[in-house]
Amino acid sequence: MERRLATILAADVGGSLRLIAAGRTMPASLNTYRKAINKPLVGHRGRLRGSAGDGLITELEWPIEAARCAVDIQQEIEVHNSDLPEDRYRWFRIGADLGDVVADGGNHLGTPHDRSGQNCGLGQAH
């Protein structure tokens, strides 16, 4: 097992339950958004660590890179949304936290995972 300091960035689609209840399909559109998210993530030397449902967990080395990445992700999402009717927009809530993580094979564990997800819930989706 490897232990290290890392910044975890968590993101999920704001209002996804409302969209699903309104009959909006999520899986296909989420794949498109994940591609848009990948560009800033790679640009800030981040790595996708996992995804489930409408959310994802990424790891970046430095908090400043995580903050810049979050801003760039929101800008990419805004560009992507500009080509869609407003009722098809997807907005991401993003939270981050810095702390010790333990890498055990493909799993990454630690309080930053939990806290970044909680911080994500504090974010206001458009």
C-alpha atoms as a PDB file:
ATOM      1  CA  MET A   1       0.000   0.000   0.000  1.00  0.00           C
ATOM      2  CA  GLU A   2       1.146   3.486  -0.861  1.00  0.00           C
ATOM      3  CA  ARG A   3       0.301   6.508   1.277  1.00  0.00           C
ATOM      4  CA  ARG A   4       0.593  10.057  -0.066  1.00  0.00           C
ATOM      5  CA  LEU A   5      -0.806  13.560   0.042  1.00  0.00           C
ATOM      6  CA  ALA A   6      -3.308  14.252  -2.736  1.00  0.00           C
ATOM      7  CA  THR A   7      -6.083  16.623  -3.713  1.00  0.00           C
ATOM      8  CA  ILE A   8      -9.336  14.865  -4.507  1.00  0.00           C
ATOM      9  CA  LEU A   9     -11.843  16.601  -6.762  1.00  0.00           C
ATOM     10  CA  ALA A  10     -15.392  15.231  -6.783  1.00  0.00           C
ATOM     11  CA  ALA A  11     -18.080  16.270  -9.243  1.00  0.00           C
ATOM     12  CA  ASP A  12     -21.685  15.339  -9.858  1.00  0.00           C
ATOM     13  CA  VAL A  13     -24.565  16.579 -11.973  1.00  0.00           C
ATOM     14  CA  GLY A  14     -26.653  19.130 -10.119  1.00  0.00           C
ATOM     15  CA  GLY A  15     -30.368  18.406 -10.313  1.00  0.00           C
ATOM     16  CA  SER A  16     -29.905  14.993 -11.912  1.00  0.00           C
ATOM     17  CA  LEU A  17     -32.923  13.503 -10.112  1.00  0.00           C
ATOM     18  CA  ARG A  18     -35.097  16.302 -11.490  1.00  0.00           C
ATOM     19  CA  LEU A  19     -33.804  15.602 -15.004  1.00  0.00           C
ATOM     20  CA  ILE A  20     -34.398  11.873 -14.700  1.00  0.00           C
ATOM     21  CA  ALA A  21     -37.902  12.468 -13.298  1.00  0.00           C
ATOM     22  CA  ALA A  22     -38.614  14.690 -16.307  1.00  0.00           C
ATOM     23  CA  GLY A  23     -37.676  11.823 -18.619  1.00  0.00           C
ATOM     24  CA  ARG A  24     -34.274  13.168 -19.652  1.00  0.00           C
ATOM     25  CA  THR A  25     -31.807  10.413 -20.425  1.00  0.00           C
ATOM     26  CA  MET A  26     -28.568  10.627 -18.510  1.00  0.00           C
ATOM     27  CA  PRO A  27     -26.088   7.918 -19.611  1.00  0.00           C
ATOM     28  CA  ALA A  28     -25.418   9.010 -23.184  1.00  0.00           C
ATOM     29  CA  SER A  29     -25.239  12.691 -22.319  1.00  0.00           C
ATOM     30  CA  LEU A  30     -22.991  12.005 -19.319  1.00  0.00           C
ATOM     31  CA  ASN A  31     -20.447  10.304 -21.547  1.00  0.00           C
ATOM     32  CA  THR A  32     -20.315  13.453 -23.673  1.00  0.00           C
ATOM     33  CA  TYR A  33     -19.801  15.598 -20.584  1.00  0.00           C
ATOM     34  CA  ARG A  34     -17.115  13.283 -19.251  1.00  0.00           C
ATOM     35  CA  LYS A  35     -15.211  13.795 -22.496  1.00  0.00           C
ATOM     36  CA  ALA A  36     -15.487  17.568 -21.983  1.00  0.00           C
ATOM     37  CA  ILE A  37     -14.214  17.174 -18.406  1.00  0.00           C
ATOM     38  CA  ASN A  38     -11.261  15.064 -19.508  1.00  0.00           C
ATOM     39  CA  LYS A  39      -9.595  17.933 -21.414  1.00  0.00           C
ATOM     40  CA  PRO A  40      -9.073  20.209 -18.376  1.00  0.00           C
ATOM     41  CA  LEU A  41      -8.314  17.227 -16.152  1.00  0.00           C
ATOM     42  CA  VAL A  42      -5.460  16.092 -18.381  1.00  0.00           C
ATOM     43  CA  GLY A  43      -4.310  19.703 -18.813  1.00  0.00           C
ATOM     44  CA  HIS A  44      -3.883  20.001 -15.039  1.00  0.00           C
ATOM     45  CA  ARG A  45      -2.177  16.609 -14.764  1.00  0.00           C
ATOM     46  CA  GLY A  46      -5.151  15.052 -13.007  1.00  0.00           C
ATOM     47  CA  ARG A  47      -6.319  11.455 -13.117  1.00  0.00           C
ATOM     48  CA  LEU A  48      -9.819  10.039 -13.110  1.00  0.00           C
ATOM     49  CA  ARG A  49      -9.995   7.655 -10.145  1.00  0.00           C
ATOM     50  CA  GLY A  50     -13.558   6.470 -10.430  1.00  0.00           C
ATOM     51  CA  SER A  51     -17.123   7.188 -11.408  1.00  0.00           C
ATOM     52  CA  ALA A  52     -20.553   6.046 -10.365  1.00  0.00           C
ATOM     53  CA  GLY A  53     -23.942   7.180 -11.521  1.00  0.00           C
ATOM     54  CA  ASP A  54     -23.732  10.885 -12.339  1.00  0.00           C
ATOM     55  CA  GLY A  55     -20.534  11.536 -10.388  1.00  0.00           C
ATOM     56  CA  LEU A  56     -16.797  11.161 -10.678  1.00  0.00           C
ATOM     57  CA  ILE A  57     -13.715  11.274  -8.466  1.00  0.00           C
ATOM     58  CA  THR A  58     -10.414  12.657  -9.692  1.00  0.00           C
ATOM     59  CA  GLU A  59      -6.996  13.108  -8.132  1.00  0.00           C
ATOM     60  CA  LEU A  60      -4.652  16.053  -8.607  1.00  0.00           C
ATOM     61  CA  GLU A  61      -1.325  16.672  -6.954  1.00  0.00           C
ATOM     62  CA  TRP A  62      -1.819  20.274  -5.810  1.00  0.00           C
ATOM     63  CA  PRO A  63      -4.850  22.194  -4.487  1.00  0.00           C
ATOM     64  CA  ILE A  64      -4.185  25.141  -6.799  1.00  0.00           C
ATOM     65  CA  GLU A  65      -4.306  22.799  -9.792  1.00  0.00           C
ATOM     66  CA  ALA A  66      -7.585  21.353  -8.498  1.00  0.00           C
ATOM     67  CA  ALA A  67      -9.083  24.851  -8.201  1.00  0.00           C
ATOM     68  CA  ARG A  68      -7.914  25.818 -11.691  1.00  0.00           C
ATOM     69  CA  CYS A  69      -9.147  22.510 -13.057  1.00  0.00           C
ATOM     70  CA  ALA A  70     -12.583  23.033 -11.480  1.00  0.00           C
ATOM     71  CA  VAL A  71     -12.871  26.462 -13.122  1.00  0.00           C
ATOM     72  CA  ASP A  72     -11.764  25.059 -16.481  1.00  0.00           C
ATOM     73  CA  ILE A  73     -14.238  22.179 -16.185  1.00  0.00           C
ATOM     74  CA  GLN A  74     -17.098  24.621 -15.580  1.00  0.00           C
ATOM     75  CA  GLN A  75     -15.998  26.652 -18.608  1.00  0.00           C
ATOM     76  CA  GLU A  76     -15.897  23.512 -20.796  1.00  0.00           C
ATOM     77  CA  ILE A  77     -19.364  22.540 -19.554  1.00  0.00           C
ATOM     78  CA  GLU A  78     -20.670  26.018 -20.348  1.00  0.00           C
ATOM     79  CA  VAL A  79     -19.320  25.779 -23.899  1.00  0.00           C
ATOM     80  CA  HIS A  80     -20.886  22.341 -24.296  1.00  0.00           C
ATOM     81  CA  ASN A  81     -24.230  23.588 -22.933  1.00  0.00           C
ATOM     82  CA  SER A  82     -24.277  26.542 -25.334  1.00  0.00           C
ATOM     83  CA  ASP A  83     -25.077  24.154 -28.185  1.00  0.00           C
ATOM     84  CA  LEU A  84     -28.128  22.733 -26.395  1.00  0.00           C
ATOM     85  CA  PRO A  85     -31.617  23.939 -25.538  1.00  0.00           C
ATOM     86  CA  GLU A  86     -31.671  25.161 -21.922  1.00  0.00           C
ATOM     87  CA  ASP A  87     -33.813  22.276 -20.669  1.00  0.00           C
ATOM     88  CA  ARG A  88     -31.026  19.863 -21.725  1.00  0.00           C
ATOM     89  CA  TYR A  89     -28.210  21.667 -19.876  1.00  0.00           C
ATOM     90  CA  ARG A  90     -26.192  19.727 -17.339  1.00  0.00           C
ATOM     91  CA  TRP A  91     -24.365  21.572 -14.549  1.00  0.00           C
ATOM     92  CA  PHE A  92     -21.748  20.030 -12.315  1.00  0.00           C
ATOM     93  CA  ARG A  93     -21.259  20.664  -8.624  1.00  0.00           C
ATOM     94  CA  ILE A  94     -17.591  20.334  -7.764  1.00  0.00           C
ATOM     95  CA  GLY A  95     -15.899  19.915  -4.389  1.00  0.00           C
ATOM     96  CA  ALA A  96     -12.262  19.370  -3.430  1.00  0.00           C
ATOM     97  CA  ASP A  97     -10.246  18.362  -0.399  1.00  0.00           C
ATOM     98  CA  LEU A  98      -6.572  17.810   0.399  1.00  0.00           C
ATOM     99  CA  GLY A  99      -5.317  15.024   2.633  1.00  0.00           C
ATOM    100  CA  ASP A 100      -3.670  11.638   2.989  1.00  0.00           C
ATOM    101  CA  VAL A 101      -4.841   8.926   0.638  1.00  0.00           C
ATOM    102  CA  VAL A 102      -3.915   5.276   0.647  1.00  0.00           C
ATOM    103  CA  ALA A 103      -3.571   3.518  -2.683  1.00  0.00           C
ATOM    104  CA  ASP A 104      -4.318  -0.187  -2.417  1.00  0.00           C
ATOM    105  CA  GLY A 105      -4.236  -1.666  -5.893  1.00  0.00           C
ATOM    106  CA  GLY A 106      -6.946   0.112  -7.881  1.00  0.00           C
ATOM    107  CA  ASN A 107      -8.657   1.494  -4.778  1.00  0.00           C
ATOM    108  CA  HIS A 108      -7.870   4.865  -3.270  1.00  0.00           C
ATOM    109  CA  LEU A 109      -9.052   5.479   0.259  1.00  0.00           C
ATOM    110  CA  GLY A 110      -8.927   8.393   2.659  1.00  0.00           C
ATOM    111  CA  THR A 111     -10.861  11.232   4.187  1.00  0.00           C
ATOM    112  CA  PRO A 112     -10.329  13.563   1.180  1.00  0.00           C
ATOM    113  CA  HIS A 113     -12.629  11.278  -0.811  1.00  0.00           C
ATOM    114  CA  ASP A 114     -15.395  11.702   1.742  1.00  0.00           C
ATOM    115  CA  ARG A 115     -14.891  15.405   2.331  1.00  0.00           C
ATOM    116  CA  SER A 116     -14.628  16.318  -1.357  1.00  0.00           C
ATOM    117  CA  GLY A 117     -17.973  14.602  -1.921  1.00  0.00           C
ATOM    118  CA  GLN A 118     -19.483  16.510   1.004  1.00  0.00           C
ATOM    119  CA  ASN A 119     -18.021  19.763  -0.315  1.00  0.00           C
ATOM    120  CA  CYS A 120     -19.509  18.954  -3.703  1.00  0.00           C
ATOM    121  CA  GLY A 121     -22.927  18.966  -2.083  1.00  0.00           C
ATOM    122  CA  LEU A 122     -22.285  22.516  -0.870  1.00  0.00           C
ATOM    123  CA  GLY A 123     -21.863  23.752  -4.445  1.00  0.00           C
ATOM    124  CA  GLN A 124     -24.752  25.407  -6.194  1.00  0.00           C
ATOM    125  CA  ALA A 125     -25.475  24.059  -9.654  1.00  0.00           C
ATOM    126  CA  HIS A 126     -26.758  26.665 -12.104  1.00  0.00           C
END
